[in-house]
Amino acid sequence: MNIILIGMPGCGKSTAGVLAAKSLCMQFIDTDLLLQRAGGAKLQKIIQDRGLDSFMKLEEEVLSSLTGENCVISTGGSAVYYARAMEHLRSMGQIVYLRLTYEEMCARIHNLETRGIAMRPGMTLHDLYAERCPLYEKYADCIIDCTTGTVDDTVASICAAVNPGGTDPMASI
């Protein structure tokens, strides 16, 4: 089984994801890194040079063709725009939405211009938040609030959500 993390930029998908993978003795996949490899550039450069539509087409393809077992998978914040990709991810494992408030997201994001966030021209961060949150809830098997607490708290919540019996993942090895 895989654990697929979704949520807004700044919610901790990559940071908490790699720590959860270590804690659960799983592999870690960051789909933003796969997208950069497939596009041959940083996310923001792909958007700037090729346009948002090309970026989104590439992202959907990367997500839809993803394979892996026993992995924690951190997706880009825009993953929920692609129904085909989200159904593929759902078939691979449990989808965990790392939720945070708009205010906390703004406090955490300091590099909006270089982060590679898929935003249409004229769209504000608030518009993006309002558009994506219902999609995260639609696809989530589990929701973890990451607004307060530490990264360790988020990791503990991910581990508890996907390993509710609290059994030692190493016990079966």
N, C-alpha and C. Protein backbone atom coordinates (compact mmCIF):
# COMPACT_ATOMS: atom_id res chain seq x y z
N MET A 1 0.83 -1.19 0.00
CA MET A 1 0.00 0.00 0.00
C MET A 1 0.87 1.25 0.00
N ASN A 2 0.40 2.28 -0.67
CA ASN A 2 1.07 3.57 -0.71
C ASN A 2 0.26 4.59 0.07
N ILE A 3 0.93 5.65 0.47
CA ILE A 3 0.30 6.80 1.12
C ILE A 3 0.54 7.97 0.18
N ILE A 4 -0.54 8.59 -0.29
CA ILE A 4 -0.43 9.69 -1.23
C ILE A 4 -0.85 10.97 -0.51
N LEU A 5 0.07 11.93 -0.42
CA LEU A 5 -0.18 13.19 0.28
C LEU A 5 -0.60 14.26 -0.71
N ILE A 6 -1.72 14.92 -0.41
CA ILE A 6 -2.21 16.04 -1.20
C ILE A 6 -2.41 17.23 -0.28
N GLY A 7 -2.43 18.42 -0.86
CA GLY A 7 -2.67 19.62 -0.07
C GLY A 7 -2.03 20.84 -0.71
N MET A 8 -2.34 22.00 -0.15
CA MET A 8 -1.84 23.27 -0.65
C MET A 8 -0.33 23.37 -0.48
N PRO A 9 0.30 24.22 -1.28
CA PRO A 9 1.72 24.49 -1.06
C PRO A 9 1.94 24.96 0.38
N GLY A 10 3.01 24.48 0.97
CA GLY A 10 3.35 24.88 2.33
C GLY A 10 2.75 24.01 3.42
N CYS A 11 1.92 23.03 3.06
CA CYS A 11 1.28 22.20 4.09
C CYS A 11 2.22 21.15 4.66
N GLY A 12 3.33 20.88 3.98
CA GLY A 12 4.30 19.93 4.51
C GLY A 12 4.34 18.59 3.81
N LYS A 13 3.80 18.51 2.60
CA LYS A 13 3.77 17.22 1.90
C LYS A 13 5.17 16.62 1.75
N SER A 14 6.11 17.42 1.31
CA SER A 14 7.47 16.90 1.10
C SER A 14 8.21 16.70 2.42
N THR A 15 8.15 17.68 3.29
CA THR A 15 8.89 17.60 4.55
C THR A 15 8.35 16.49 5.44
N ALA A 16 7.06 16.51 5.70
CA ALA A 16 6.46 15.46 6.54
C ALA A 16 6.46 14.12 5.82
N GLY A 17 6.34 14.16 4.50
CA GLY A 17 6.31 12.92 3.72
C GLY A 17 7.57 12.11 3.85
N VAL A 18 8.72 12.75 3.72
CA VAL A 18 9.97 12.00 3.82
C VAL A 18 10.17 11.47 5.24
N LEU A 19 9.76 12.23 6.24
CA LEU A 19 9.88 11.76 7.63
C LEU A 19 8.90 10.63 7.93
N ALA A 20 7.70 10.71 7.37
CA ALA A 20 6.73 9.62 7.55
C ALA A 20 7.24 8.35 6.87
N ALA A 21 7.83 8.50 5.69
CA ALA A 21 8.38 7.34 4.99
C ALA A 21 9.46 6.67 5.84
N LYS A 22 10.32 7.45 6.45
CA LYS A 22 11.36 6.88 7.33
C LYS A 22 10.72 6.18 8.51
N SER A 23 9.75 6.82 9.11
CA SER A 23 9.09 6.26 10.29
C SER A 23 8.36 4.96 9.99
N LEU A 24 7.77 4.87 8.80
CA LEU A 24 6.99 3.70 8.41
C LEU A 24 7.78 2.68 7.60
N CYS A 25 9.09 2.92 7.46
CA CYS A 25 9.95 2.02 6.68
C CYS A 25 9.46 1.88 5.24
N MET A 26 9.13 3.02 4.64
CA MET A 26 8.64 3.06 3.27
C MET A 26 9.58 3.88 2.41
N GLN A 27 9.43 3.77 1.11
CA GLN A 27 10.16 4.62 0.17
C GLN A 27 9.45 5.97 0.09
N PHE A 28 10.14 6.98 -0.45
CA PHE A 28 9.55 8.30 -0.61
C PHE A 28 9.67 8.74 -2.06
N ILE A 29 8.56 9.24 -2.62
CA ILE A 29 8.54 9.78 -3.98
C ILE A 29 7.95 11.18 -3.92
N ASP A 30 8.66 12.13 -4.51
CA ASP A 30 8.16 13.51 -4.63
C ASP A 30 7.85 13.73 -6.10
N THR A 31 6.57 13.87 -6.43
CA THR A 31 6.19 13.98 -7.84
C THR A 31 6.66 15.29 -8.45
N ASP A 32 6.89 16.33 -7.65
CA ASP A 32 7.45 17.56 -8.20
C ASP A 32 8.85 17.30 -8.76
N LEU A 33 9.62 16.46 -8.09
CA LEU A 33 10.96 16.12 -8.59
C LEU A 33 10.86 15.30 -9.88
N LEU A 34 9.89 14.39 -9.94
CA LEU A 34 9.68 13.62 -11.17
C LEU A 34 9.26 14.54 -12.32
N LEU A 35 8.43 15.52 -12.01
CA LEU A 35 7.98 16.48 -13.02
C LEU A 35 9.14 17.33 -13.52
N GLN A 36 10.01 17.75 -12.61
CA GLN A 36 11.19 18.52 -13.02
C GLN A 36 12.11 17.69 -13.92
N ARG A 37 12.27 16.41 -13.56
CA ARG A 37 13.10 15.52 -14.38
C ARG A 37 12.47 15.36 -15.76
N ALA A 38 11.17 15.12 -15.81
CA ALA A 38 10.49 14.93 -17.10
C ALA A 38 10.52 16.20 -17.94
N GLY A 39 10.44 17.36 -17.28
CA GLY A 39 10.44 18.63 -18.00
C GLY A 39 11.81 19.21 -18.24
N GLY A 40 12.82 18.65 -17.61
CA GLY A 40 14.18 19.11 -17.80
C GLY A 40 14.47 20.49 -17.23
N ALA A 41 13.66 20.93 -16.26
CA ALA A 41 13.85 22.25 -15.67
C ALA A 41 13.09 22.33 -14.35
N LYS A 42 13.34 23.39 -13.60
CA LYS A 42 12.58 23.64 -12.38
C LYS A 42 11.13 23.93 -12.75
N LEU A 43 10.24 23.69 -11.80
CA LEU A 43 8.81 23.86 -12.05
C LEU A 43 8.48 25.24 -12.60
N GLN A 44 8.96 26.29 -11.95
CA GLN A 44 8.65 27.65 -12.37
C GLN A 44 9.16 27.93 -13.79
N LYS A 45 10.31 27.38 -14.12
CA LYS A 45 10.88 27.59 -15.47
C LYS A 45 10.02 26.89 -16.52
N ILE A 46 9.51 25.70 -16.18
CA ILE A 46 8.62 25.00 -17.11
C ILE A 46 7.38 25.85 -17.37
N ILE A 47 6.80 26.40 -16.32
CA ILE A 47 5.61 27.25 -16.46
C ILE A 47 5.93 28.48 -17.29
N GLN A 48 7.04 29.15 -16.98
CA GLN A 48 7.41 30.38 -17.69
C GLN A 48 7.72 30.13 -19.16
N ASP A 49 8.49 29.10 -19.43
CA ASP A 49 8.96 28.87 -20.81
C ASP A 49 7.93 28.18 -21.70
N ARG A 50 7.13 27.27 -21.13
CA ARG A 50 6.23 26.47 -21.95
C ARG A 50 4.76 26.81 -21.75
N GLY A 51 4.46 27.57 -20.70
CA GLY A 51 3.08 27.94 -20.42
C GLY A 51 2.42 26.99 -19.44
N LEU A 52 1.40 27.49 -18.79
CA LEU A 52 0.69 26.73 -17.76
C LEU A 52 0.03 25.48 -18.32
N ASP A 53 -0.56 25.58 -19.51
CA ASP A 53 -1.23 24.41 -20.09
C ASP A 53 -0.26 23.26 -20.34
N SER A 54 0.92 23.56 -20.86
CA SER A 54 1.92 22.52 -21.09
C SER A 54 2.41 21.93 -19.79
N PHE A 55 2.61 22.79 -18.80
CA PHE A 55 3.02 22.32 -17.47
C PHE A 55 1.99 21.33 -16.92
N MET A 56 0.71 21.71 -17.00
CA MET A 56 -0.35 20.88 -16.44
C MET A 56 -0.50 19.57 -17.20
N LYS A 57 -0.31 19.61 -18.51
CA LYS A 57 -0.37 18.38 -19.31
C LYS A 57 0.75 17.43 -18.88
N LEU A 58 1.94 17.97 -18.70
CA LEU A 58 3.08 17.16 -18.26
C LEU A 58 2.85 16.62 -16.85
N GLU A 59 2.32 17.45 -15.97
CA GLU A 59 2.07 17.00 -14.60
C GLU A 59 1.04 15.87 -14.58
N GLU A 60 -0.02 16.00 -15.35
CA GLU A 60 -1.03 14.94 -15.40
C GLU A 60 -0.43 13.63 -15.90
N GLU A 61 0.44 13.71 -16.91
CA GLU A 61 1.07 12.52 -17.45
C GLU A 61 1.99 11.86 -16.41
N VAL A 62 2.78 12.66 -15.72
CA VAL A 62 3.67 12.13 -14.69
C VAL A 62 2.86 11.43 -13.60
N LEU A 63 1.79 12.06 -13.14
CA LEU A 63 0.97 11.47 -12.08
C LEU A 63 0.25 10.21 -12.56
N SER A 64 -0.27 10.24 -13.77
CA SER A 64 -1.04 9.11 -14.29
C SER A 64 -0.19 7.89 -14.59
N SER A 65 1.10 8.10 -14.81
CA SER A 65 1.98 6.98 -15.13
C SER A 65 2.83 6.54 -13.93
N LEU A 66 2.60 7.13 -12.79
CA LEU A 66 3.39 6.83 -11.59
C LEU A 66 3.19 5.39 -11.15
N THR A 67 4.28 4.74 -10.78
CA THR A 67 4.21 3.40 -10.21
C THR A 67 5.02 3.40 -8.92
N GLY A 68 4.73 2.45 -8.09
CA GLY A 68 5.48 2.29 -6.85
C GLY A 68 4.68 1.48 -5.85
N GLU A 69 5.40 0.82 -4.96
CA GLU A 69 4.77 0.05 -3.90
C GLU A 69 5.46 0.38 -2.60
N ASN A 70 4.67 0.43 -1.53
CA ASN A 70 5.19 0.72 -0.20
C ASN A 70 5.91 2.07 -0.17
N CYS A 71 5.24 3.08 -0.73
CA CYS A 71 5.82 4.42 -0.84
C CYS A 71 4.92 5.47 -0.19
N VAL A 72 5.55 6.50 0.34
CA VAL A 72 4.86 7.74 0.66
C VAL A 72 5.10 8.64 -0.54
N ILE A 73 4.02 9.14 -1.12
CA ILE A 73 4.10 9.93 -2.35
C ILE A 73 3.62 11.34 -2.07
N SER A 74 4.50 12.30 -2.25
CA SER A 74 4.16 13.71 -2.12
C SER A 74 3.81 14.24 -3.50
N THR A 75 2.59 14.74 -3.66
CA THR A 75 2.17 15.28 -4.95
C THR A 75 2.30 16.80 -4.95
N GLY A 76 2.31 17.36 -6.14
CA GLY A 76 2.24 18.81 -6.25
C GLY A 76 0.84 19.26 -5.85
N GLY A 77 0.72 20.51 -5.42
CA GLY A 77 -0.57 21.02 -4.97
C GLY A 77 -1.65 20.98 -6.02
N SER A 78 -1.26 20.97 -7.29
CA SER A 78 -2.23 21.00 -8.37
C SER A 78 -2.66 19.61 -8.83
N ALA A 79 -2.19 18.57 -8.19
CA ALA A 79 -2.53 17.19 -8.59
C ALA A 79 -4.04 16.96 -8.68
N VAL A 80 -4.79 17.62 -7.81
CA VAL A 80 -6.24 17.39 -7.75
C VAL A 80 -7.00 17.94 -8.95
N TYR A 81 -6.33 18.63 -9.85
CA TYR A 81 -6.99 19.13 -11.06
C TYR A 81 -7.23 18.03 -12.09
N TYR A 82 -6.62 16.87 -11.92
CA TYR A 82 -6.64 15.83 -12.93
C TYR A 82 -7.39 14.60 -12.42
N ALA A 83 -8.63 14.45 -12.83
CA ALA A 83 -9.45 13.33 -12.35
C ALA A 83 -8.81 11.99 -12.68
N ARG A 84 -8.30 11.85 -13.89
CA ARG A 84 -7.67 10.59 -14.31
C ARG A 84 -6.47 10.26 -13.41
N ALA A 85 -5.66 11.24 -13.15
CA ALA A 85 -4.48 11.04 -12.30
C ALA A 85 -4.89 10.72 -10.87
N MET A 86 -5.88 11.40 -10.37
CA MET A 86 -6.31 11.15 -8.98
C MET A 86 -6.92 9.77 -8.83
N GLU A 87 -7.65 9.29 -9.83
CA GLU A 87 -8.18 7.93 -9.76
C GLU A 87 -7.05 6.91 -9.81
N HIS A 88 -6.04 7.19 -10.61
CA HIS A 88 -4.86 6.32 -10.65
C HIS A 88 -4.19 6.29 -9.28
N LEU A 89 -3.98 7.45 -8.69
CA LEU A 89 -3.35 7.52 -7.37
C LEU A 89 -4.20 6.80 -6.32
N ARG A 90 -5.51 6.98 -6.39
CA ARG A 90 -6.40 6.30 -5.45
C ARG A 90 -6.28 4.79 -5.58
N SER A 91 -6.08 4.30 -6.79
CA SER A 91 -5.93 2.85 -6.98
C SER A 91 -4.62 2.34 -6.38
N MET A 92 -3.69 3.25 -6.15
CA MET A 92 -2.38 2.88 -5.62
C MET A 92 -2.31 2.88 -4.10
N GLY A 93 -3.27 3.54 -3.43
CA GLY A 93 -3.17 3.59 -1.97
C GLY A 93 -4.14 4.57 -1.35
N GLN A 94 -3.81 4.98 -0.15
CA GLN A 94 -4.65 5.87 0.65
C GLN A 94 -4.24 7.32 0.42
N ILE A 95 -5.22 8.18 0.13
CA ILE A 95 -4.96 9.59 -0.11
C ILE A 95 -5.19 10.37 1.18
N VAL A 96 -4.15 11.07 1.60
CA VAL A 96 -4.18 11.84 2.85
C VAL A 96 -4.05 13.32 2.51
N TYR A 97 -5.05 14.09 2.89
CA TYR A 97 -5.08 15.54 2.67
C TYR A 97 -4.48 16.23 3.88
N LEU A 98 -3.39 16.94 3.68
CA LEU A 98 -2.78 17.74 4.74
C LEU A 98 -3.36 19.15 4.63
N ARG A 99 -4.32 19.41 5.48
CA ARG A 99 -5.08 20.66 5.42
C ARG A 99 -4.45 21.73 6.30
N LEU A 100 -4.47 22.96 5.84
CA LEU A 100 -4.10 24.09 6.68
C LEU A 100 -4.93 25.29 6.27
N THR A 101 -5.04 26.24 7.17
CA THR A 101 -5.84 27.43 6.90
C THR A 101 -5.15 28.31 5.87
N TYR A 102 -5.93 29.16 5.27
CA TYR A 102 -5.38 30.11 4.30
C TYR A 102 -4.31 30.99 4.95
N GLU A 103 -4.60 31.45 6.15
CA GLU A 103 -3.66 32.34 6.85
C GLU A 103 -2.33 31.63 7.11
N GLU A 104 -2.39 30.38 7.53
CA GLU A 104 -1.15 29.64 7.81
C GLU A 104 -0.40 29.35 6.52
N MET A 105 -1.13 29.04 5.45
CA MET A 105 -0.47 28.82 4.17
C MET A 105 0.30 30.08 3.75
N CYS A 106 -0.32 31.23 3.86
CA CYS A 106 0.35 32.49 3.51
C CYS A 106 1.57 32.73 4.37
N ALA A 107 1.50 32.38 5.65
CA ALA A 107 2.64 32.57 6.55
C ALA A 107 3.80 31.65 6.18
N ARG A 108 3.51 30.51 5.59
CA ARG A 108 4.56 29.54 5.26
C ARG A 108 5.18 29.75 3.88
N ILE A 109 4.45 30.34 2.96
CA ILE A 109 4.96 30.50 1.59
C ILE A 109 5.62 31.86 1.45
N HIS A 110 6.92 31.83 1.19
CA HIS A 110 7.67 33.08 1.04
C HIS A 110 8.26 33.23 -0.35
N ASN A 111 8.11 32.25 -1.19
CA ASN A 111 8.73 32.27 -2.52
C ASN A 111 7.70 32.01 -3.61
N LEU A 112 6.62 32.71 -3.55
CA LEU A 112 5.50 32.49 -4.49
C LEU A 112 5.94 32.63 -5.95
N GLU A 113 6.82 33.58 -6.23
CA GLU A 113 7.23 33.84 -7.61
C GLU A 113 8.15 32.76 -8.17
N THR A 114 8.83 32.00 -7.31
CA THR A 114 9.79 31.01 -7.79
C THR A 114 9.43 29.58 -7.44
N ARG A 115 8.33 29.38 -6.74
CA ARG A 115 7.98 28.07 -6.22
C ARG A 115 7.42 27.12 -7.27
N GLY A 116 6.91 27.62 -8.36
CA GLY A 116 6.35 26.75 -9.39
C GLY A 116 4.92 26.34 -9.09
N ILE A 117 4.13 27.28 -8.63
CA ILE A 117 2.72 27.00 -8.31
C ILE A 117 1.88 27.21 -9.57
N ALA A 118 1.06 26.23 -9.89
CA ALA A 118 0.21 26.30 -11.08
C ALA A 118 -0.96 27.24 -10.82
N MET A 119 -0.79 28.49 -11.24
CA MET A 119 -1.82 29.52 -11.07
C MET A 119 -2.06 30.21 -12.41
N ARG A 120 -3.34 30.36 -12.76
CA ARG A 120 -3.67 31.08 -13.98
C ARG A 120 -3.37 32.57 -13.80
N PRO A 121 -3.06 33.27 -14.88
CA PRO A 121 -2.81 34.72 -14.78
C PRO A 121 -4.01 35.44 -14.13
N GLY A 122 -3.70 36.35 -13.23
CA GLY A 122 -4.75 37.12 -12.55
C GLY A 122 -5.31 36.44 -11.32
N MET A 123 -4.97 35.19 -11.12
CA MET A 123 -5.47 34.44 -9.98
C MET A 123 -4.68 34.83 -8.73
N THR A 124 -5.39 35.01 -7.63
CA THR A 124 -4.72 35.29 -6.37
C THR A 124 -4.52 33.99 -5.59
N LEU A 125 -3.68 34.06 -4.58
CA LEU A 125 -3.47 32.90 -3.73
C LEU A 125 -4.78 32.50 -3.03
N HIS A 126 -5.57 33.50 -2.68
CA HIS A 126 -6.87 33.21 -2.06
C HIS A 126 -7.80 32.49 -3.04
N ASP A 127 -7.79 32.93 -4.29
CA ASP A 127 -8.59 32.26 -5.33
C ASP A 127 -8.16 30.80 -5.46
N LEU A 128 -6.85 30.59 -5.48
CA LEU A 128 -6.30 29.24 -5.61
C LEU A 128 -6.74 28.36 -4.44
N TYR A 129 -6.65 28.91 -3.24
CA TYR A 129 -7.04 28.19 -2.03
C TYR A 129 -8.52 27.80 -2.10
N ALA A 130 -9.36 28.76 -2.47
CA ALA A 130 -10.81 28.50 -2.55
C ALA A 130 -11.14 27.48 -3.63
N GLU A 131 -10.39 27.46 -4.71
CA GLU A 131 -10.63 26.52 -5.81
C GLU A 131 -10.19 25.11 -5.46
N ARG A 132 -9.04 24.99 -4.80
CA ARG A 132 -8.46 23.66 -4.56
C ARG A 132 -9.02 22.94 -3.34
N CYS A 133 -9.34 23.65 -2.28
CA CYS A 133 -9.76 22.97 -1.04
C CYS A 133 -10.91 21.99 -1.24
N PRO A 134 -11.97 22.35 -1.97
CA PRO A 134 -13.03 21.35 -2.20
C PRO A 134 -12.54 20.12 -2.96
N LEU A 135 -11.57 20.29 -3.83
CA LEU A 135 -11.03 19.15 -4.58
C LEU A 135 -10.21 18.25 -3.66
N TYR A 136 -9.44 18.84 -2.76
CA TYR A 136 -8.69 18.03 -1.80
C TYR A 136 -9.65 17.20 -0.96
N GLU A 137 -10.72 17.82 -0.51
CA GLU A 137 -11.70 17.10 0.32
C GLU A 137 -12.39 16.00 -0.48
N LYS A 138 -12.65 16.26 -1.75
CA LYS A 138 -13.31 15.27 -2.62
C LYS A 138 -12.47 14.00 -2.73
N TYR A 139 -11.18 14.14 -2.88
CA TYR A 139 -10.32 12.98 -3.12
C TYR A 139 -9.74 12.35 -1.86
N ALA A 140 -9.84 13.04 -0.73
CA ALA A 140 -9.19 12.56 0.50
C ALA A 140 -9.88 11.34 1.10
N ASP A 141 -9.06 10.35 1.46
CA ASP A 141 -9.53 9.24 2.28
C ASP A 141 -9.42 9.61 3.75
N CYS A 142 -8.54 10.55 4.04
CA CYS A 142 -8.24 10.96 5.40
C CYS A 142 -7.79 12.43 5.36
N ILE A 143 -8.20 13.21 6.35
CA ILE A 143 -7.81 14.62 6.44
C ILE A 143 -7.06 14.84 7.74
N ILE A 144 -5.88 15.46 7.62
CA ILE A 144 -5.07 15.80 8.79
C ILE A 144 -4.89 17.31 8.80
N ASP A 145 -5.27 17.95 9.89
CA ASP A 145 -5.10 19.40 10.00
C ASP A 145 -3.67 19.70 10.41
N CYS A 146 -2.98 20.49 9.61
CA CYS A 146 -1.57 20.81 9.83
C CYS A 146 -1.37 22.28 10.20
N THR A 147 -2.46 22.96 10.54
CA THR A 147 -2.39 24.38 10.82
C THR A 147 -1.54 24.67 12.06
N THR A 148 -1.73 23.88 13.08
CA THR A 148 -0.95 24.06 14.31
C THR A 148 -0.08 22.83 14.51
N GLY A 149 0.82 22.91 15.43
CA GLY A 149 1.68 21.77 15.72
C GLY A 149 2.95 21.81 14.90
N THR A 150 3.77 20.82 15.13
CA THR A 150 5.07 20.73 14.47
C THR A 150 5.03 19.74 13.32
N VAL A 151 6.10 19.67 12.58
CA VAL A 151 6.23 18.67 11.53
C VAL A 151 6.14 17.28 12.15
N ASP A 152 6.74 17.11 13.33
CA ASP A 152 6.67 15.80 14.01
C ASP A 152 5.23 15.43 14.34
N ASP A 153 4.41 16.43 14.69
CA ASP A 153 2.99 16.16 14.96
C ASP A 153 2.29 15.69 13.68
N THR A 154 2.61 16.32 12.57
CA THR A 154 2.01 15.93 11.29
C THR A 154 2.44 14.51 10.92
N VAL A 155 3.71 14.21 11.10
CA VAL A 155 4.21 12.86 10.81
C VAL A 155 3.50 11.84 11.68
N ALA A 156 3.36 12.13 12.96
CA ALA A 156 2.68 11.21 13.88
C ALA A 156 1.22 11.00 13.44
N SER A 157 0.58 12.06 12.98
CA SER A 157 -0.81 11.95 12.52
C SER A 157 -0.91 11.13 11.25
N ILE A 158 0.04 11.29 10.34
CA ILE A 158 0.05 10.48 9.11
C ILE A 158 0.22 9.01 9.49
N CYS A 159 1.18 8.73 10.35
CA CYS A 159 1.45 7.34 10.75
C CYS A 159 0.24 6.73 11.44
N ALA A 160 -0.40 7.49 12.32
CA ALA A 160 -1.58 6.98 13.03
C ALA A 160 -2.75 6.74 12.07
N ALA A 161 -2.89 7.62 11.09
CA ALA A 161 -4.02 7.50 10.16
C ALA A 161 -3.89 6.27 9.27
N VAL A 162 -2.68 5.95 8.87
CA VAL A 162 -2.49 4.84 7.95
C VAL A 162 -2.11 3.54 8.66
N ASN A 163 -1.81 3.64 9.93
CA ASN A 163 -1.43 2.47 10.73
C ASN A 163 -2.20 2.53 12.04
N PRO A 164 -3.56 2.52 11.95
CA PRO A 164 -4.38 2.77 13.13
C PRO A 164 -4.19 1.79 14.28
N GLY A 165 -3.78 0.58 13.98
CA GLY A 165 -3.55 -0.39 15.05
C GLY A 165 -2.26 -0.14 15.80
N GLY A 166 -1.42 0.72 15.22
CA GLY A 166 -0.17 1.04 15.85
C GLY A 166 0.85 -0.08 15.81
N THR A 167 0.65 -1.06 14.93
CA THR A 167 1.59 -2.17 14.85
C THR A 167 2.91 -1.69 14.28
N ASP A 168 3.96 -2.33 14.68
CA ASP A 168 5.30 -1.98 14.23
C ASP A 168 5.47 -2.42 12.78
N PRO A 169 5.73 -1.46 11.84
CA PRO A 169 5.88 -1.83 10.43
C PRO A 169 7.04 -2.79 10.21
N MET A 170 8.00 -2.83 11.11
CA MET A 170 9.14 -3.74 10.98
C MET A 170 8.80 -5.16 11.40
N ALA A 171 7.68 -5.34 12.09
CA ALA A 171 7.33 -6.67 12.62
C ALA A 171 7.15 -7.70 11.51
N SER A 172 6.74 -7.26 10.31
CA SER A 172 6.49 -8.21 9.23
C SER A 172 7.74 -8.47 8.40
N ILE A 173 8.82 -7.79 8.71
CA ILE A 173 10.06 -7.97 7.93
C ILE A 173 10.84 -9.16 8.43
